[in-house]
Amino acid sequence: MDALASQIQQLEYNISSIYIGGGTPTALSTCLFEKMLKSLKPLVKNVSEFTVEANPESLDEERVMIMLDSGVNRISIGMQSIDDRKLKKIGRIHNSRKAVESVHLAAKRGFKNVSIDLIFGLWGESAERWKKELEEAAKLPVTHVSCYELTYEKGTPLFFAASNKSITPLEDESVAGMYELAIDMLSLRGFKQYEVSNFALEGCESKHNLNYWDNGQYLGLGPSAFSYIGGVRKKNVSGIKDYIIRAENGNDLTDFSEKLPPLETAKETAAVKIRTKGGIDFEWFTAKTGYDFNKIERNAIAELIEKGLIKYKKDNNVPTGICLKRKGFLFCDTVSSALL
């Protein structure tokens, strides 16, 4: 925390949003948690959105009040599920009761912007149970819902369990059906989809994450954190001890750095922006990157339209941009890869 605070004190950037998370900051002792938030106070003055991640098992009234007193105005709670059997399957240490209580605690104590994460597509999970979870989640005092499909990452216990057939992953069609169920059900309850995995009430979209999808600049603080400023992407050293030693000695914290050529930067911008519901506006893209989208992505556009994954946005029958079709949301990674 001292090393992190020293890095914060040296900042000269104009910060518009702050996001703390990934790991979970509420796992810190209350003393360290408060120390971390206090170190950020000089940056908070011009910040419009200040989000902190929390897990149900480590969120209590004291931490909620520390956040509110420190200027935090948005909380993202990693519920994952409101189904105890599902939580047990994925190894979470909280139960559904605690998950629901944590949301009510945050709302009751003053958070007007509460986000929750939900996971779907577990082995043995039914569409009916997922539908019930969505119904219960939509009734909670939340403004934002993120729905993530379970992935079997290489090297994880779940990956090995699937490989040796001790669990049987759901068929792709079943998972796709559950994703579409989330789109339809949350939309009916006022949560508009604004990005592949994210749904929000009007005006409650995550400003911080929208900046990522615009391929905007960001500054990462702490071990392993990435920054993207002036077209240069940097990564801090991963080891905590190494990070502390470098910070104490005033040495460079960077472990890796790259500057993409302008064309690659433009294509990367296209690959992240297409994830949003609004898609890519041609004029916006040219102003952002200096490139004509239709020229640099001509082949990809033709291929993706032929596959039924994207469509043109039009004004008076004149194409003004592209966006994902319903099928495109199901295959967003395919679309993004084609634009790179």
Foldseek 3Di string as FASTA:
>chain_A
DVLLLLVLVPDDDQDAEAEDPDPALLVDDLVVSLVVLVSCLVNQPNYPAYEHEHELVSDDLSSLVSCVVSNHQEYEYELQFLQQVVCVVVPHPDHNVSSLVRLVSNVVVPRQAYEYEYEDQAFPDALVRLLVGLVVVLPGSHFKYFYYYDDLDPPDPSVVCCVVVVTPTDDLVRSLVSLVSNQVVVVVSQFHAFFLGMTGHPPNPDPVVVCVLQVHFDDFTDAQTWTAPPQKIWGFHHDRVVSSVCSVVVHDRTDDMDHDDLVVSLLLSQLSNQRTQVHDFQVSSCVSRVDRLCVLLVVLVVVCVVVVFKDFDDDVNHGGGMHGDSVNSSVSVVSSVSSD
